[in-house]
Amino acid sequence: MIQPPRKLQNSRTTGQLVIQWAAGIEHKIAYRQLRSACRCASCRADQTRGKISLIPDDLYVVKINNLGQGLQLVFSDGHERGIFPWQYLHDIGEQCVGQ
């Protein structure tokens, strides 16, 4: 089980959410990748129907709400329904390593 991170940084200059995990691992996840990985009911339904959501190039995270077991991210395109549990964020971050 993944423990909550030691530090979160919303870096608009690099367009990334930087997560420093308790195990000493750091992940840098692009805002666009986070937005496209949203698992809310609306986004999942769009994916099932083959509908592609257009993600603006200038997308950024407006607000981060810590829910204890993960984060709710509010994006500049108005999307705010996605909940990102710690394990899911860690998995996304692992996919970004080396990119």
PDB file of N, CA and C in Angstrom:
ATOM      1  N   MET A   1       0.841  -1.182   0.000  1.00  0.00           N
ATOM      2  CA  MET A   1       0.000   0.000   0.000  1.00  0.00           C
ATOM      3  C   MET A   1       0.888   1.248   0.000  1.00  0.00           C
ATOM      4  N   ILE A   2       0.581   2.169  -0.875  1.00  0.00           N
ATOM      5  CA  ILE A   2       1.357   3.402  -0.984  1.00  0.00           C
ATOM      6  C   ILE A   2       0.960   4.372   0.117  1.00  0.00           C
ATOM      7  N   GLN A   3       1.952   4.909   0.778  1.00  0.00           N
ATOM      8  CA  GLN A   3       1.735   5.920   1.799  1.00  0.00           C
ATOM      9  C   GLN A   3       1.558   7.281   1.128  1.00  0.00           C
ATOM     10  N   PRO A   4       0.868   8.209   1.787  1.00  0.00           N
ATOM     11  CA  PRO A   4       0.737   9.557   1.220  1.00  0.00           C
ATOM     12  C   PRO A   4       2.109  10.170   0.967  1.00  0.00           C
ATOM     13  N   PRO A   5       2.201  11.055  -0.011  1.00  0.00           N
ATOM     14  CA  PRO A   5       3.499  11.660  -0.321  1.00  0.00           C
ATOM     15  C   PRO A   5       3.975  12.592   0.783  1.00  0.00           C
ATOM     16  N   ARG A   6       5.290  12.794   0.783  1.00  0.00           N
ATOM     17  CA  ARG A   6       5.888  13.745   1.731  1.00  0.00           C
ATOM     18  C   ARG A   6       5.672  15.171   1.274  1.00  0.00           C
ATOM     19  N   LYS A   7       5.636  15.359  -0.054  1.00  0.00           N
ATOM     20  CA  LYS A   7       5.535  16.714  -0.587  1.00  0.00           C
ATOM     21  C   LYS A   7       4.860  16.692  -1.949  1.00  0.00           C
ATOM     22  N   LEU A   8       4.030  17.695  -2.192  1.00  0.00           N
ATOM     23  CA  LEU A   8       3.392  17.910  -3.492  1.00  0.00           C
ATOM     24  C   LEU A   8       3.768  19.299  -3.978  1.00  0.00           C
ATOM     25  N   GLN A   9       4.072  19.413  -5.248  1.00  0.00           N
ATOM     26  CA  GLN A   9       4.353  20.721  -5.823  1.00  0.00           C
ATOM     27  C   GLN A   9       3.572  20.857  -7.126  1.00  0.00           C
ATOM     28  N   ASN A  10       2.766  21.900  -7.198  1.00  0.00           N
ATOM     29  CA  ASN A  10       2.008  22.207  -8.399  1.00  0.00           C
ATOM     30  C   ASN A  10       2.856  23.187  -9.210  1.00  0.00           C
ATOM     31  N   SER A  11       3.624  22.674 -10.156  1.00  0.00           N
ATOM     32  CA  SER A  11       4.602  23.479 -10.889  1.00  0.00           C
ATOM     33  C   SER A  11       4.051  23.934 -12.233  1.00  0.00           C
ATOM     34  N   ARG A  12       3.420  25.092 -12.241  1.00  0.00           N
ATOM     35  CA  ARG A  12       2.869  25.618 -13.498  1.00  0.00           C
ATOM     36  C   ARG A  12       3.973  25.986 -14.480  1.00  0.00           C
ATOM     37  N   THR A  13       5.162  26.318 -13.993  1.00  0.00           N
ATOM     38  CA  THR A  13       6.254  26.673 -14.910  1.00  0.00           C
ATOM     39  C   THR A  13       6.680  25.481 -15.760  1.00  0.00           C
ATOM     40  N   THR A  14       6.624  24.278 -15.204  1.00  0.00           N
ATOM     41  CA  THR A  14       6.992  23.081 -15.972  1.00  0.00           C
ATOM     42  C   THR A  14       5.766  22.312 -16.458  1.00  0.00           C
ATOM     43  N   GLY A  15       4.567  22.712 -16.005  1.00  0.00           N
ATOM     44  CA  GLY A  15       3.348  22.017 -16.416  1.00  0.00           C
ATOM     45  C   GLY A  15       3.223  20.640 -15.809  1.00  0.00           C
ATOM     46  N   GLN A  16       3.686  20.511 -14.547  1.00  0.00           N
ATOM     47  CA  GLN A  16       3.712  19.190 -13.911  1.00  0.00           C
ATOM     48  C   GLN A  16       3.263  19.250 -12.455  1.00  0.00           C
ATOM     49  N   LEU A  17       2.751  18.117 -12.004  1.00  0.00           N
ATOM     50  CA  LEU A  17       2.556  17.884 -10.586  1.00  0.00           C
ATOM     51  C   LEU A  17       3.764  17.063 -10.139  1.00  0.00           C
ATOM     52  N   VAL A  18       4.513  17.585  -9.184  1.00  0.00           N
ATOM     53  CA  VAL A  18       5.709  16.897  -8.684  1.00  0.00           C
ATOM     54  C   VAL A  18       5.347  16.268  -7.339  1.00  0.00           C
ATOM     55  N   ILE A  19       5.559  14.959  -7.250  1.00  0.00           N
ATOM     56  CA  ILE A  19       5.195  14.214  -6.043  1.00  0.00           C
ATOM     57  C   ILE A  19       6.435  13.558  -5.481  1.00  0.00           C
ATOM     58  N   GLN A  20       6.736  13.856  -4.225  1.00  0.00           N
ATOM     59  CA  GLN A  20       7.839  13.191  -3.525  1.00  0.00           C
ATOM     60  C   GLN A  20       7.225  12.208  -2.540  1.00  0.00           C
ATOM     61  N   TRP A  21       7.440  10.931  -2.824  1.00  0.00           N
ATOM     62  CA  TRP A  21       6.860   9.858  -2.015  1.00  0.00           C
ATOM     63  C   TRP A  21       7.719   9.573  -0.792  1.00  0.00           C
ATOM     64  N   ALA A  22       7.107   8.967   0.211  1.00  0.00           N
ATOM     65  CA  ALA A  22       7.793   8.639   1.459  1.00  0.00           C
ATOM     66  C   ALA A  22       8.980   7.711   1.228  1.00  0.00           C
ATOM     67  N   ALA A  23       8.937   6.886   0.197  1.00  0.00           N
ATOM     68  CA  ALA A  23      10.020   5.940  -0.081  1.00  0.00           C
ATOM     69  C   ALA A  23      11.215   6.613  -0.755  1.00  0.00           C
ATOM     70  N   GLY A  24      11.154   7.946  -0.939  1.00  0.00           N
ATOM     71  CA  GLY A  24      12.261   8.662  -1.561  1.00  0.00           C
ATOM     72  C   GLY A  24      12.156   8.781  -3.072  1.00  0.00           C
ATOM     73  N   ILE A  25      11.078   8.301  -3.645  1.00  0.00           N
ATOM     74  CA  ILE A  25      10.850   8.375  -5.096  1.00  0.00           C
ATOM     75  C   ILE A  25      10.184   9.704  -5.425  1.00  0.00           C
ATOM     76  N   GLU A  26      10.591  10.291  -6.538  1.00  0.00           N
ATOM     77  CA  GLU A  26       9.951  11.511  -7.012  1.00  0.00           C
ATOM     78  C   GLU A  26       9.377  11.262  -8.400  1.00  0.00           C
ATOM     79  N   HIS A  27       8.128  11.641  -8.579  1.00  0.00           N
ATOM     80  CA  HIS A  27       7.475  11.549  -9.879  1.00  0.00           C
ATOM     81  C   HIS A  27       7.099  12.937 -10.347  1.00  0.00           C
ATOM     82  N   LYS A  28       7.296  13.181 -11.632  1.00  0.00           N
ATOM     83  CA  LYS A  28       6.872  14.419 -12.278  1.00  0.00           C
ATOM     84  C   LYS A  28       5.857  14.024 -13.345  1.00  0.00           C
ATOM     85  N   ILE A  29       4.611  14.426 -13.129  1.00  0.00           N
ATOM     86  CA  ILE A  29       3.525  14.012 -14.010  1.00  0.00           C
ATOM     87  C   ILE A  29       2.942  15.243 -14.696  1.00  0.00           C
ATOM     88  N   ALA A  30       2.962  15.229 -16.014  1.00  0.00           N
ATOM     89  CA  ALA A  30       2.438  16.350 -16.789  1.00  0.00           C
ATOM     90  C   ALA A  30       0.939  16.509 -16.543  1.00  0.00           C
ATOM     91  N   TYR A  31       0.494  17.766 -16.498  1.00  0.00           N
ATOM     92  CA  TYR A  31      -0.922  18.054 -16.298  1.00  0.00           C
ATOM     93  C   TYR A  31      -1.794  17.347 -17.336  1.00  0.00           C
ATOM     94  N   ARG A  32      -1.366  17.374 -18.580  1.00  0.00           N
ATOM     95  CA  ARG A  32      -2.147  16.750 -19.647  1.00  0.00           C
ATOM     96  C   ARG A  32      -2.291  15.240 -19.414  1.00  0.00           C
ATOM     97  N   GLN A  33      -1.244  14.620 -18.900  1.00  0.00           N
ATOM     98  CA  GLN A  33      -1.309  13.183 -18.624  1.00  0.00           C
ATOM     99  C   GLN A  33      -2.293  12.916 -17.484  1.00  0.00           C
ATOM    100  N   LEU A  34      -2.253  13.750 -16.455  1.00  0.00           N
ATOM    101  CA  LEU A  34      -3.200  13.595 -15.355  1.00  0.00           C
ATOM    102  C   LEU A  34      -4.633  13.756 -15.841  1.00  0.00           C
ATOM    103  N   ARG A  35      -4.854  14.780 -16.643  1.00  0.00           N
ATOM    104  CA  ARG A  35      -6.219  15.053 -17.140  1.00  0.00           C
ATOM    105  C   ARG A  35      -6.705  13.894 -18.004  1.00  0.00           C
ATOM    106  N   SER A  36      -5.849  13.352 -18.843  1.00  0.00           N
ATOM    107  CA  SER A  36      -6.267  12.252 -19.708  1.00  0.00           C
ATOM    108  C   SER A  36      -6.432  10.943 -18.932  1.00  0.00           C
ATOM    109  N   ALA A  37      -5.861  10.858 -17.733  1.00  0.00           N
ATOM    110  CA  ALA A  37      -5.969   9.649 -16.918  1.00  0.00           C
ATOM    111  C   ALA A  37      -7.147   9.694 -15.949  1.00  0.00           C
ATOM    112  N   CYS A  38      -7.955  10.735 -16.038  1.00  0.00           N
ATOM    113  CA  CYS A  38      -9.093  10.874 -15.127  1.00  0.00           C
ATOM    114  C   CYS A  38     -10.023   9.672 -15.259  1.00  0.00           C
ATOM    115  N   ARG A  39     -10.450   9.150 -14.111  1.00  0.00           N
ATOM    116  CA  ARG A  39     -11.325   7.977 -14.099  1.00  0.00           C
ATOM    117  C   ARG A  39     -12.724   8.296 -13.597  1.00  0.00           C
ATOM    118  N   CYS A  40     -13.121   9.566 -13.649  1.00  0.00           N
ATOM    119  CA  CYS A  40     -14.475   9.893 -13.201  1.00  0.00           C
ATOM    120  C   CYS A  40     -15.491   9.233 -14.138  1.00  0.00           C
ATOM    121  N   ALA A  41     -16.735   9.158 -13.718  1.00  0.00           N
ATOM    122  CA  ALA A  41     -17.767   8.481 -14.510  1.00  0.00           C
ATOM    123  C   ALA A  41     -17.921   9.101 -15.894  1.00  0.00           C
ATOM    124  N   SER A  42     -17.858  10.410 -15.970  1.00  0.00           N
ATOM    125  CA  SER A  42     -18.022  11.094 -17.254  1.00  0.00           C
ATOM    126  C   SER A  42     -16.881  10.757 -18.223  1.00  0.00           C
ATOM    127  N   CYS A  43     -15.654  10.803 -17.729  1.00  0.00           N
ATOM    128  CA  CYS A  43     -14.497  10.491 -18.582  1.00  0.00           C
ATOM    129  C   CYS A  43     -14.487   9.027 -18.997  1.00  0.00           C
ATOM    130  N   ARG A  44     -14.844   8.134 -18.081  1.00  0.00           N
ATOM    131  CA  ARG A  44     -14.903   6.704 -18.427  1.00  0.00           C
ATOM    132  C   ARG A  44     -15.972   6.434 -19.471  1.00  0.00           C
ATOM    133  N   ALA A  45     -17.115   7.108 -19.348  1.00  0.00           N
ATOM    134  CA  ALA A  45     -18.190   6.936 -20.334  1.00  0.00           C
ATOM    135  C   ALA A  45     -17.726   7.423 -21.702  1.00  0.00           C
ATOM    136  N   ASP A  46     -17.032   8.565 -21.732  1.00  0.00           N
ATOM    137  CA  ASP A  46     -16.503   9.080 -22.997  1.00  0.00           C
ATOM    138  C   ASP A  46     -15.535   8.085 -23.627  1.00  0.00           C
ATOM    139  N   GLN A  47     -14.665   7.501 -22.801  1.00  0.00           N
ATOM    140  CA  GLN A  47     -13.691   6.540 -23.314  1.00  0.00           C
ATOM    141  C   GLN A  47     -14.387   5.292 -23.853  1.00  0.00           C
ATOM    142  N   THR A  48     -15.424   4.838 -23.169  1.00  0.00           N
ATOM    143  CA  THR A  48     -16.170   3.660 -23.598  1.00  0.00           C
ATOM    144  C   THR A  48     -16.844   3.902 -24.942  1.00  0.00           C
ATOM    145  N   ARG A  49     -17.357   5.120 -25.126  1.00  0.00           N
ATOM    146  CA  ARG A  49     -18.042   5.463 -26.384  1.00  0.00           C
ATOM    147  C   ARG A  49     -17.060   5.856 -27.480  1.00  0.00           C
ATOM    148  N   GLY A  50     -15.768   5.861 -27.157  1.00  0.00           N
ATOM    149  CA  GLY A  50     -14.767   6.234 -28.153  1.00  0.00           C
ATOM    150  C   GLY A  50     -14.688   7.726 -28.390  1.00  0.00           C
ATOM    151  N   LYS A  51     -15.287   8.485 -27.501  1.00  0.00           N
ATOM    152  CA  LYS A  51     -15.264   9.946 -27.619  1.00  0.00           C
ATOM    153  C   LYS A  51     -13.945  10.461 -27.053  1.00  0.00           C
ATOM    154  N   ILE A  52     -13.306  11.305 -27.800  1.00  0.00           N
ATOM    155  CA  ILE A  52     -12.022  11.845 -27.366  1.00  0.00           C
ATOM    156  C   ILE A  52     -12.236  13.246 -26.810  1.00  0.00           C
ATOM    157  N   SER A  53     -11.817  13.447 -25.563  1.00  0.00           N
ATOM    158  CA  SER A  53     -11.894  14.777 -24.965  1.00  0.00           C
ATOM    159  C   SER A  53     -10.687  15.575 -25.419  1.00  0.00           C
ATOM    160  N   LEU A  54     -10.943  16.775 -25.894  1.00  0.00           N
ATOM    161  CA  LEU A  54      -9.839  17.645 -26.283  1.00  0.00           C
ATOM    162  C   LEU A  54      -9.280  18.322 -25.043  1.00  0.00           C
ATOM    163  N   ILE A  55      -7.989  18.174 -24.861  1.00  0.00           N
ATOM    164  CA  ILE A  55      -7.319  18.757 -23.712  1.00  0.00           C
ATOM    165  C   ILE A  55      -6.524  19.958 -24.203  1.00  0.00           C
ATOM    166  N   PRO A  56      -6.822  21.132 -23.673  1.00  0.00           N
ATOM    167  CA  PRO A  56      -6.105  22.328 -24.144  1.00  0.00           C
ATOM    168  C   PRO A  56      -4.605  22.249 -23.868  1.00  0.00           C
ATOM    169  N   ASP A  57      -3.816  22.824 -24.765  1.00  0.00           N
ATOM    170  CA  ASP A  57      -2.359  22.838 -24.597  1.00  0.00           C
ATOM    171  C   ASP A  57      -1.930  23.614 -23.353  1.00  0.00           C
ATOM    172  N   ASP A  58      -2.712  24.622 -22.989  1.00  0.00           N
ATOM    173  CA  ASP A  58      -2.335  25.472 -21.856  1.00  0.00           C
ATOM    174  C   ASP A  58      -2.998  25.031 -20.546  1.00  0.00           C
ATOM    175  N   LEU A  59      -3.395  23.771 -20.463  1.00  0.00           N
ATOM    176  CA  LEU A  59      -4.040  23.211 -19.279  1.00  0.00           C
ATOM    177  C   LEU A  59      -3.121  23.303 -18.066  1.00  0.00           C
ATOM    178  N   TYR A  60      -3.700  23.586 -16.907  1.00  0.00           N
ATOM    179  CA  TYR A  60      -2.939  23.548 -15.663  1.00  0.00           C
ATOM    180  C   TYR A  60      -3.862  23.154 -14.516  1.00  0.00           C
ATOM    181  N   VAL A  61      -3.288  22.821 -13.380  1.00  0.00           N
ATOM    182  CA  VAL A  61      -4.058  22.467 -12.191  1.00  0.00           C
ATOM    183  C   VAL A  61      -4.306  23.754 -11.404  1.00  0.00           C
ATOM    184  N   VAL A  62      -5.582  24.067 -11.220  1.00  0.00           N
ATOM    185  CA  VAL A  62      -5.991  25.277 -10.523  1.00  0.00           C
ATOM    186  C   VAL A  62      -5.946  25.071  -9.013  1.00  0.00           C
ATOM    187  N   LYS A  63      -6.390  23.886  -8.581  1.00  0.00           N
ATOM    188  CA  LYS A  63      -6.509  23.622  -7.149  1.00  0.00           C
ATOM    189  C   LYS A  63      -6.300  22.142  -6.879  1.00  0.00           C
ATOM    190  N   ILE A  64      -5.683  21.854  -5.741  1.00  0.00           N
ATOM    191  CA  ILE A  64      -5.475  20.475  -5.299  1.00  0.00           C
ATOM    192  C   ILE A  64      -6.178  20.307  -3.957  1.00  0.00           C
ATOM    193  N   ASN A  65      -7.114  19.381  -3.899  1.00  0.00           N
ATOM    194  CA  ASN A  65      -7.810  19.080  -2.649  1.00  0.00           C
ATOM    195  C   ASN A  65      -7.317  17.727  -2.143  1.00  0.00           C
ATOM    196  N   ASN A  66      -6.718  17.732  -0.953  1.00  0.00           N
ATOM    197  CA  ASN A  66      -6.252  16.495  -0.333  1.00  0.00           C
ATOM    198  C   ASN A  66      -7.436  15.820   0.345  1.00  0.00           C
ATOM    199  N   LEU A  67      -7.751  14.604  -0.097  1.00  0.00           N
ATOM    200  CA  LEU A  67      -8.886  13.868   0.436  1.00  0.00           C
ATOM    201  C   LEU A  67      -8.470  12.805   1.450  1.00  0.00           C
ATOM    202  N   GLY A  68      -7.216  12.801   1.843  1.00  0.00           N
ATOM    203  CA  GLY A  68      -6.718  11.818   2.798  1.00  0.00           C
ATOM    204  C   GLY A  68      -6.170  10.577   2.111  1.00  0.00           C
ATOM    205  N   GLN A  69      -6.983   9.935   1.286  1.00  0.00           N
ATOM    206  CA  GLN A  69      -6.564   8.732   0.565  1.00  0.00           C
ATOM    207  C   GLN A  69      -6.129   9.038  -0.860  1.00  0.00           C
ATOM    208  N   GLY A  70      -6.108  10.321  -1.222  1.00  0.00           N
ATOM    209  CA  GLY A  70      -5.730  10.731  -2.565  1.00  0.00           C
ATOM    210  C   GLY A  70      -6.061  12.192  -2.782  1.00  0.00           C
ATOM    211  N   LEU A  71      -6.096  12.591  -4.045  1.00  0.00           N
ATOM    212  CA  LEU A  71      -6.306  13.998  -4.396  1.00  0.00           C
ATOM    213  C   LEU A  71      -7.493  14.162  -5.329  1.00  0.00           C
ATOM    214  N   GLN A  72      -8.148  15.302  -5.181  1.00  0.00           N
ATOM    215  CA  GLN A  72      -9.079  15.777  -6.189  1.00  0.00           C
ATOM    216  C   GLN A  72      -8.359  16.921  -6.881  1.00  0.00           C
ATOM    217  N   LEU A  73      -8.220  16.830  -8.192  1.00  0.00           N
ATOM    218  CA  LEU A  73      -7.540  17.866  -8.957  1.00  0.00           C
ATOM    219  C   LEU A  73      -8.570  18.680  -9.723  1.00  0.00           C
ATOM    220  N   VAL A  74      -8.447  20.000  -9.625  1.00  0.00           N
ATOM    221  CA  VAL A  74      -9.313  20.907 -10.361  1.00  0.00           C
ATOM    222  C   VAL A  74      -8.468  21.496 -11.487  1.00  0.00           C
ATOM    223  N   PHE A  75      -8.898  21.265 -12.727  1.00  0.00           N
ATOM    224  CA  PHE A  75      -8.135  21.687 -13.896  1.00  0.00           C
ATOM    225  C   PHE A  75      -8.678  22.991 -14.470  1.00  0.00           C
ATOM    226  N   SER A  76      -7.816  23.681 -15.186  1.00  0.00           N
ATOM    227  CA  SER A  76      -8.171  24.976 -15.760  1.00  0.00           C
ATOM    228  C   SER A  76      -9.248  24.881 -16.837  1.00  0.00           C
ATOM    229  N   ASP A  77      -9.519  23.686 -17.365  1.00  0.00           N
ATOM    230  CA  ASP A  77     -10.594  23.527 -18.347  1.00  0.00           C
ATOM    231  C   ASP A  77     -11.948  23.335 -17.675  1.00  0.00           C
ATOM    232  N   GLY A  78     -11.972  23.472 -16.335  1.00  0.00           N
ATOM    233  CA  GLY A  78     -13.209  23.362 -15.583  1.00  0.00           C
ATOM    234  C   GLY A  78     -13.488  21.974 -15.041  1.00  0.00           C
ATOM    235  N   HIS A  79     -12.706  20.985 -15.431  1.00  0.00           N
ATOM    236  CA  HIS A  79     -12.934  19.613 -14.963  1.00  0.00           C
ATOM    237  C   HIS A  79     -12.466  19.479 -13.516  1.00  0.00           C
ATOM    238  N   GLU A  80     -13.362  18.964 -12.672  1.00  0.00           N
ATOM    239  CA  GLU A  80     -13.012  18.832 -11.250  1.00  0.00           C
ATOM    240  C   GLU A  80     -13.583  17.577 -10.606  1.00  0.00           C
ATOM    241  N   ARG A  81     -13.983  16.624 -11.406  1.00  0.00           N
ATOM    242  CA  ARG A  81     -14.628  15.426 -10.864  1.00  0.00           C
ATOM    243  C   ARG A  81     -13.676  14.276 -10.601  1.00  0.00           C
ATOM    244  N   GLY A  82     -12.462  14.364 -11.085  1.00  0.00           N
ATOM    245  CA  GLY A  82     -11.538  13.251 -10.959  1.00  0.00           C
ATOM    246  C   GLY A  82     -10.949  13.120  -9.570  1.00  0.00           C
ATOM    247  N   ILE A  83     -10.977  11.913  -9.054  1.00  0.00           N
ATOM    248  CA  ILE A  83     -10.337  11.579  -7.779  1.00  0.00           C
ATOM    249  C   ILE A  83      -9.155  10.670  -8.121  1.00  0.00           C
ATOM    250  N   PHE A  84      -7.995  11.012  -7.595  1.00  0.00           N
ATOM    251  CA  PHE A  84      -6.765  10.284  -7.884  1.00  0.00           C
ATOM    252  C   PHE A  84      -6.213   9.688  -6.585  1.00  0.00           C
ATOM    253  N   PRO A  85      -6.542   8.414  -6.297  1.00  0.00           N
ATOM    254  CA  PRO A  85      -5.986   7.765  -5.106  1.00  0.00           C
ATOM    255  C   PRO A  85      -4.459   7.707  -5.184  1.00  0.00           C
ATOM    256  N   TRP A  86      -3.816   7.607  -4.023  1.00  0.00           N
ATOM    257  CA  TRP A  86      -2.345   7.595  -3.981  1.00  0.00           C
ATOM    258  C   TRP A  86      -1.770   6.512  -4.880  1.00  0.00           C
ATOM    259  N   GLN A  87      -2.314   5.314  -4.821  1.00  0.00           N
ATOM    260  CA  GLN A  87      -1.772   4.216  -5.626  1.00  0.00           C
ATOM    261  C   GLN A  87      -1.874   4.534  -7.115  1.00  0.00           C
ATOM    262  N   TYR A  88      -2.992   5.105  -7.537  1.00  0.00           N
ATOM    263  CA  TYR A  88      -3.186   5.443  -8.938  1.00  0.00           C
ATOM    264  C   TYR A  88      -2.185   6.523  -9.369  1.00  0.00           C
ATOM    265  N   LEU A  89      -1.975   7.536  -8.537  1.00  0.00           N
ATOM    266  CA  LEU A  89      -0.974   8.569  -8.843  1.00  0.00           C
ATOM    267  C   LEU A  89       0.419   7.963  -8.955  1.00  0.00           C
ATOM    268  N   HIS A  90       0.729   7.047  -8.052  1.00  0.00           N
ATOM    269  CA  HIS A  90       2.028   6.380  -8.086  1.00  0.00           C
ATOM    270  C   HIS A  90       2.184   5.595  -9.389  1.00  0.00           C
ATOM    271  N   ASP A  91       1.133   4.878  -9.784  1.00  0.00           N
ATOM    272  CA  ASP A  91       1.175   4.095 -11.023  1.00  0.00           C
ATOM    273  C   ASP A  91       1.364   5.002 -12.243  1.00  0.00           C
ATOM    274  N   ILE A  92       0.655   6.125 -12.268  1.00  0.00           N
ATOM    275  CA  ILE A  92       0.813   7.076 -13.376  1.00  0.00           C
ATOM    276  C   ILE A  92       2.247   7.601 -13.392  1.00  0.00           C
ATOM    277  N   GLY A  93       2.763   7.937 -12.215  1.00  0.00           N
ATOM    278  CA  GLY A  93       4.139   8.434 -12.118  1.00  0.00           C
ATOM    279  C   GLY A  93       5.154   7.425 -12.603  1.00  0.00           C
ATOM    280  N   GLU A  94       4.952   6.151 -12.305  1.00  0.00           N
ATOM    281  CA  GLU A  94       5.865   5.105 -12.760  1.00  0.00           C
ATOM    282  C   GLU A  94       5.859   5.009 -14.293  1.00  0.00           C
ATOM    283  N   GLN A  95       4.708   5.247 -14.902  1.00  0.00           N
ATOM    284  CA  GLN A  95       4.614   5.228 -16.358  1.00  0.00           C
ATOM    285  C   GLN A  95       5.388   6.402 -16.981  1.00  0.00           C
ATOM    286  N   CYS A  96       5.535   7.478 -16.215  1.00  0.00           N
ATOM    287  CA  CYS A  96       6.218   8.681 -16.723  1.00  0.00           C
ATOM    288  C   CYS A  96       7.734   8.593 -16.612  1.00  0.00           C
ATOM    289  N   VAL A  97       8.238   7.678 -15.795  1.00  0.00           N
ATOM    290  CA  VAL A  97       9.686   7.574 -15.585  1.00  0.00           C
ATOM    291  C   VAL A  97      10.363   7.283 -16.919  1.00  0.00           C
ATOM    292  N   GLY A  98      11.364   8.111 -17.237  1.00  0.00           N
ATOM    293  CA  GLY A  98      12.113   7.931 -18.465  1.00  0.00           C
ATOM    294  C   GLY A  98      11.500   8.581 -19.696  1.00  0.00           C
ATOM    295  N   GLN A  99      10.353   9.230 -19.502  1.00  0.00           N
ATOM    296  CA  GLN A  99       9.718   9.907 -20.654  1.00  0.00           C
ATOM    297  C   GLN A  99      10.229  11.314 -20.786  1.00  0.00           C
TER     298      GLN A  99
END
